[in-house]
């Protein structure tokens, strides 16, 4: 008795990684910096993170239930979005604003475009920009570490302050700023974990951070000034955890290199020439929009594609 052989289109390789396992790895990588942010800024930071995560998960659950779609909160992607957004917020931000950010990220940026894998931009970044435009004063008011004093400086403090923190303070997070962006050391630890787990590719983070560093050197900032540039603001958090988003970043290594360099150039230009002290979120969002074009330029053509086109 003959058997019927059915051949499907590629890819044929199966891997044990699932969306849930990948998202859990990202959560594990983010936890050290998130916990440190709560230690650094106290209960206010913890409440902001709790609000963004719970609001993101609840928003996805309610949306799926109302539209009679499969409940997808179990894949942990909504929790990752909420935690990333919370780590990009000021610890003094009112909780209702944080909740709005999570709802925008999950429903408008993610679900309205078809859900996980269909969004054109990183949901946490898009939501952060919406909050910056809608509530600029609240988004740029910061709490001093281990103090309840409000530091009302328009922008991420290390980049906008008259006195820039030392490299040691920037590396270990002993300065005011957003909850999860202050400690470069723990963000790097999380990035190394993701690299070892092969969750992210090093091309985007290295090209992004390296481009910003090189442009600061070319711009005359000196070696120490260039280090301040890459340790300040949200560069580490953005380059390691947000620019590497699978859905909104290129798939080829050449594309990832172009993407990272583009993010670096835009970040430097915005910081240096625009009326904004920080440009990481805007640069990643702009490059997210260009990702389909980068993919089309860098994807290799299937073998025989040109010949088939010629033959009609």
Protein backbone atom coordinates (compact mmCIF):
# COMPACT_ATOMS: atom_id res chain seq x y z
CA UNK A 1 0.00 0.00 0.00
CA UNK A 2 1.54 3.28 -1.08
CA UNK A 3 1.76 6.24 1.26
CA UNK A 4 1.00 9.75 0.19
CA UNK A 5 3.90 12.16 0.80
CA UNK A 6 2.82 15.71 1.56
CA UNK A 7 5.53 18.37 1.28
CA UNK A 8 4.82 21.71 2.92
CA UNK A 9 6.64 24.98 2.50
CA UNK A 10 9.65 25.81 4.64
CA UNK A 11 10.73 26.15 7.37
CA UNK A 12 10.82 22.53 8.47
CA UNK A 13 13.03 22.97 11.55
CA UNK A 14 11.29 22.75 14.91
CA UNK A 15 12.71 24.19 18.10
CA UNK A 16 11.78 23.73 21.72
CA UNK A 17 11.55 27.50 22.31
CA UNK A 18 8.02 28.88 22.58
CA UNK A 19 6.67 32.40 22.85
CA UNK A 20 6.10 31.82 26.54
CA UNK A 21 9.63 30.55 27.20
CA UNK A 22 11.17 33.48 25.33
CA UNK A 23 9.02 36.01 27.17
CA UNK A 24 9.83 34.37 30.50
CA UNK A 25 13.54 34.72 29.69
CA UNK A 26 13.01 38.43 28.98
CA UNK A 27 11.17 38.83 32.29
CA UNK A 28 14.00 37.08 34.13
CA UNK A 29 16.53 39.38 32.45
CA UNK A 30 14.53 42.49 33.39
CA UNK A 31 13.86 41.55 37.03
CA UNK A 32 17.28 42.55 38.50
CA UNK A 33 17.10 46.10 37.11
CA UNK A 34 13.40 46.38 38.01
CA UNK A 35 13.97 45.25 41.60
CA UNK A 36 16.94 47.58 41.92
CA UNK A 37 14.78 50.46 40.68
CA UNK A 38 12.27 49.70 43.45
CA UNK A 39 15.08 49.64 46.03
CA UNK A 40 16.48 52.87 44.63
CA UNK A 41 13.21 54.83 44.47
CA UNK A 42 11.06 53.04 47.03
CA UNK A 43 7.41 52.04 47.10
CA UNK A 44 6.36 54.57 44.45
CA UNK A 45 8.45 52.79 41.82
CA UNK A 46 7.07 49.41 42.88
CA UNK A 47 3.50 50.68 42.52
CA UNK A 48 4.19 52.06 39.04
CA UNK A 49 5.63 48.72 37.88
CA UNK A 50 2.78 46.78 39.46
CA UNK A 51 0.24 49.08 37.80
CA UNK A 52 1.75 48.82 34.31
CA UNK A 53 2.08 45.03 34.42
CA UNK A 54 -1.40 44.39 35.84
CA UNK A 55 -3.01 46.93 33.49
CA UNK A 56 -1.31 45.37 30.46
CA UNK A 57 -2.36 41.83 31.38
CA UNK A 58 -5.92 42.91 32.23
CA UNK A 59 -6.25 44.96 29.03
CA UNK A 60 -5.23 41.98 26.90
CA UNK A 61 -7.55 39.63 28.79
CA UNK A 62 -10.56 41.93 28.46
CA UNK A 63 -9.87 42.64 24.78
CA UNK A 64 -9.62 38.95 23.92
CA UNK A 65 -12.74 38.14 25.93
CA UNK A 66 -14.83 40.92 24.36
CA UNK A 67 -13.81 39.95 20.82
CA UNK A 68 -14.17 36.22 21.53
CA UNK A 69 -10.54 35.61 20.67
CA UNK A 70 -8.25 33.04 22.33
CA UNK A 71 -6.97 34.31 25.68
CA UNK A 72 -3.26 35.00 25.13
CA UNK A 73 -2.15 36.38 28.49
CA UNK A 74 -0.53 33.02 29.21
CA UNK A 75 2.27 33.70 26.71
CA UNK A 76 3.55 36.46 29.06
CA UNK A 77 3.97 38.98 26.23
CA UNK A 78 1.57 41.43 27.89
CA UNK A 79 3.52 41.16 31.16
CA UNK A 80 6.76 41.91 29.29
CA UNK A 81 5.17 44.94 27.62
CA UNK A 82 3.87 46.23 30.96
CA UNK A 83 7.21 45.74 32.73
CA UNK A 84 9.18 47.38 29.92
CA UNK A 85 6.83 50.35 29.90
CA UNK A 86 7.00 50.71 33.68
CA UNK A 87 10.80 50.65 33.62
CA UNK A 88 10.68 53.53 31.12
CA UNK A 89 8.54 55.71 33.41
CA UNK A 90 9.33 58.12 36.20
CA UNK A 91 8.75 56.65 39.67
CA UNK A 92 6.68 59.71 40.53
CA UNK A 93 4.23 59.25 37.62
CA UNK A 94 0.57 59.10 38.74
CA UNK A 95 -0.70 55.54 38.61
CA UNK A 96 -3.66 56.36 36.38
CA UNK A 97 -1.26 57.69 33.73
CA UNK A 98 0.79 54.50 33.96
CA UNK A 99 -2.38 52.45 33.48
CA UNK A 100 -3.32 54.49 30.39
CA UNK A 101 0.14 53.79 28.96
CA UNK A 102 -0.33 50.04 29.33
CA UNK A 103 -3.78 50.16 27.74
CA UNK A 104 -2.41 52.13 24.78
CA UNK A 105 0.48 49.68 24.40
CA UNK A 106 -1.61 46.51 24.49
CA UNK A 107 -4.85 47.50 22.80
CA UNK A 108 -3.96 50.26 20.35
CA UNK A 109 -0.39 49.35 19.36
CA UNK A 110 -0.58 45.56 19.70
CA UNK A 111 -4.11 44.15 19.50
CA UNK A 112 -5.60 46.56 16.97
CA UNK A 113 -2.88 45.55 14.52
CA UNK A 114 -3.64 41.85 14.93
CA UNK A 115 -1.94 40.87 18.16
CA UNK A 116 1.51 39.51 18.90
CA UNK A 117 3.69 39.42 15.81
CA UNK A 118 1.55 41.87 13.81
CA UNK A 119 2.36 45.21 15.47
CA UNK A 120 4.44 47.66 13.44
CA UNK A 121 6.16 49.25 16.47
CA UNK A 122 7.34 48.18 19.88
CA UNK A 123 4.23 48.63 22.08
CA UNK A 124 6.11 49.86 25.16
CA UNK A 125 8.03 52.47 23.16
CA UNK A 126 4.95 53.74 21.34
CA UNK A 127 3.06 54.00 24.64
CA UNK A 128 5.93 55.86 26.30
CA UNK A 129 5.96 58.42 23.49
CA UNK A 130 2.19 58.84 23.78
CA UNK A 131 2.61 59.53 27.50
CA UNK A 132 5.50 61.95 26.85
CA UNK A 133 3.39 63.93 24.41
CA UNK A 134 0.26 63.81 26.57
CA UNK A 135 1.78 64.37 30.03
CA UNK A 136 5.22 65.96 29.51
CA UNK A 137 5.54 67.48 32.99
CA UNK A 138 4.62 64.29 34.84
CA UNK A 139 6.82 62.17 32.58
CA UNK A 140 9.87 64.38 33.20
CA UNK A 141 9.60 64.84 36.96
CA UNK A 142 11.88 62.52 38.87
CA UNK A 143 12.52 61.36 42.42
CA UNK A 144 15.99 61.51 43.90
CA UNK A 145 17.27 58.05 44.94
CA UNK A 146 16.33 57.08 48.50
CA UNK A 147 14.45 60.36 48.91
CA UNK A 148 10.95 61.69 48.38
CA UNK A 149 12.17 64.99 46.99
CA UNK A 150 10.88 65.68 43.50
CA UNK A 151 13.49 66.74 40.96
CA UNK A 152 11.58 68.69 38.32
CA UNK A 153 14.03 68.58 35.43
CA UNK A 154 12.67 68.45 31.91
CA UNK A 155 14.20 65.27 30.65
CA UNK A 156 16.15 62.23 31.83
CA UNK A 157 18.16 63.75 34.67
CA UNK A 158 21.73 62.73 33.78
CA UNK A 159 21.39 64.17 30.27
CA UNK A 160 19.67 67.39 31.32
CA UNK A 161 21.32 68.16 34.66
CA UNK A 162 23.91 70.89 35.05
CA UNK A 163 26.13 68.47 36.96
CA UNK A 164 26.49 65.13 35.21
CA UNK A 165 26.85 62.13 37.56
CA UNK A 166 30.19 60.33 37.62
CA UNK A 167 30.75 57.20 35.53
CA UNK A 168 30.52 55.10 38.69
CA UNK A 169 27.17 56.67 39.60
CA UNK A 170 25.87 56.11 36.08
CA UNK A 171 27.08 52.51 35.93
CA UNK A 172 25.56 51.50 39.27
CA UNK A 173 22.46 53.68 39.04
CA UNK A 174 23.05 56.14 41.87
CA UNK A 175 21.11 58.97 40.23
CA UNK A 176 17.56 60.00 39.46
CA UNK A 177 15.82 58.92 36.27
CA UNK A 178 13.32 56.40 35.01
CA UNK A 179 12.78 53.30 37.14
CA UNK A 180 14.63 50.78 35.03
CA UNK A 181 17.14 52.81 33.04
CA UNK A 182 19.43 54.04 35.82
CA UNK A 183 21.58 50.97 36.44
CA UNK A 184 23.64 50.10 33.39
CA UNK A 185 25.35 47.27 35.29
CA UNK A 186 22.20 45.22 35.84
CA UNK A 187 20.88 45.95 32.35
CA UNK A 188 24.12 44.54 30.96
CA UNK A 189 23.74 41.47 33.19
CA UNK A 190 20.25 40.97 31.78
CA UNK A 191 21.56 41.42 28.25
CA UNK A 192 24.29 38.83 28.79
CA UNK A 193 21.67 36.40 30.11
CA UNK A 194 19.57 36.86 26.95
CA UNK A 195 22.65 36.36 24.77
CA UNK A 196 23.58 33.15 26.57
CA UNK A 197 20.00 31.95 26.20
CA UNK A 198 20.14 32.96 22.51
CA UNK A 199 17.01 35.03 22.90
CA UNK A 200 18.58 38.11 21.29
CA UNK A 201 21.20 38.63 18.62
CA UNK A 202 24.15 40.86 19.64
CA UNK A 203 24.24 42.76 16.34
CA UNK A 204 21.58 45.38 17.17
CA UNK A 205 22.71 46.22 20.74
CA UNK A 206 26.40 46.39 19.78
CA UNK A 207 25.85 48.47 16.64
CA UNK A 208 23.37 50.76 18.41
CA UNK A 209 25.57 51.43 21.46
CA UNK A 210 28.77 51.46 19.40
CA UNK A 211 27.39 54.04 16.96
CA UNK A 212 26.34 56.39 19.76
CA UNK A 213 29.76 55.96 21.43
CA UNK A 214 31.60 56.65 18.17
CA UNK A 215 29.54 59.73 17.34
CA UNK A 216 30.20 61.19 20.78
CA UNK A 217 33.93 60.67 20.18
CA UNK A 218 33.75 62.27 16.73
CA UNK A 219 31.71 65.11 18.22
CA UNK A 220 34.54 65.98 20.59
CA UNK A 221 33.08 64.63 23.83
CA UNK A 222 36.23 62.64 24.60
CA UNK A 223 36.38 59.07 25.89
CA UNK A 224 34.77 59.82 29.26
CA UNK A 225 32.11 61.96 27.60
CA UNK A 226 31.31 59.14 25.18
CA UNK A 227 30.97 56.73 28.10
CA UNK A 228 28.57 59.17 29.77
CA UNK A 229 26.58 59.26 26.54
CA UNK A 230 26.04 55.50 26.42
CA UNK A 231 25.45 55.08 30.16
CA UNK A 232 22.95 57.95 30.38
CA UNK A 233 19.26 58.00 29.60
CA UNK A 234 17.53 54.93 28.25
CA UNK A 235 20.21 53.78 25.82
CA UNK A 236 21.09 50.50 27.53
CA UNK A 237 17.47 49.60 28.22
CA UNK A 238 16.41 50.53 24.69
CA UNK A 239 19.30 48.90 22.84
CA UNK A 240 19.23 45.59 24.74
CA UNK A 241 15.54 45.03 25.45
CA UNK A 242 13.48 47.14 23.05
CA UNK A 243 15.37 47.52 19.78
CA UNK A 244 15.79 43.72 19.69
CA UNK A 245 12.04 43.02 19.60
CA UNK A 246 11.50 40.18 17.12
CA UNK A 247 8.44 41.64 15.43
CA UNK A 248 9.67 45.18 14.88
CA UNK A 249 13.35 44.62 14.03
CA UNK A 250 14.91 43.20 10.83
CA UNK A 251 15.42 39.46 10.42
CA UNK A 252 18.80 39.40 8.64
CA UNK A 253 22.16 40.22 10.19
CA UNK A 254 22.80 42.94 7.62
CA UNK A 255 19.38 44.34 8.35
CA UNK A 256 20.04 44.26 12.09
CA UNK A 257 23.33 46.12 11.53
CA UNK A 258 21.59 48.82 9.47
CA UNK A 259 18.84 49.03 12.09
CA UNK A 260 21.27 49.40 15.00
CA UNK A 261 23.41 52.00 13.25
CA UNK A 262 20.29 53.92 12.25
CA UNK A 263 19.04 53.92 15.84
CA UNK A 264 22.43 55.15 17.03
CA UNK A 265 22.62 57.98 14.51
CA UNK A 266 19.08 59.15 15.23
CA UNK A 267 19.64 58.99 18.99
CA UNK A 268 22.77 61.12 18.75
CA UNK A 269 21.19 63.64 16.37
CA UNK A 270 18.12 64.06 18.59
CA UNK A 271 20.23 64.43 21.72
CA UNK A 272 22.63 66.91 20.14
CA UNK A 273 20.45 69.00 17.84
CA UNK A 274 16.78 68.56 18.78
CA UNK A 275 14.93 70.25 21.62
CA UNK A 276 14.94 66.97 23.51
CA UNK A 277 17.57 65.62 25.92
CA UNK A 278 16.83 62.00 25.01
CA UNK A 279 16.17 60.32 21.68
CA UNK A 280 16.26 56.56 22.24
CA UNK A 281 12.49 55.97 22.09
CA UNK A 282 12.00 58.17 19.05
CA UNK A 283 14.93 56.62 17.20
CA UNK A 284 13.71 53.05 17.77
CA UNK A 285 10.16 53.97 16.74
CA UNK A 286 11.39 55.58 13.51
CA UNK A 287 13.54 52.56 12.68
CA UNK A 288 10.60 50.24 13.50
CA UNK A 289 8.68 51.97 10.73
CA UNK A 290 11.59 51.37 8.32
CA UNK A 291 11.99 47.69 9.25
CA UNK A 292 9.84 46.28 6.37
CA UNK A 293 11.95 48.25 3.86
CA UNK A 294 15.20 47.11 5.50
CA UNK A 295 14.00 43.52 5.31
CA UNK A 296 13.09 43.83 1.65
CA UNK A 297 16.55 45.22 0.85
CA UNK A 298 18.56 42.67 2.83
CA UNK A 299 16.61 39.40 2.48
CA UNK A 300 18.36 36.99 0.12
CA UNK A 301 16.47 35.88 -2.97
CA UNK A 302 15.29 32.24 -3.09
CA UNK A 303 17.39 30.01 -5.35
CA UNK A 304 15.99 30.05 -8.86
CA UNK A 305 13.72 33.05 -8.27
CA UNK A 306 15.24 35.15 -11.05
CA UNK A 307 15.11 32.33 -13.59
CA UNK A 308 11.47 31.62 -12.76
CA UNK A 309 10.61 35.27 -13.25
CA UNK A 310 12.26 35.31 -16.67
CA UNK A 311 10.41 32.23 -17.81
CA UNK A 312 7.08 33.77 -16.97
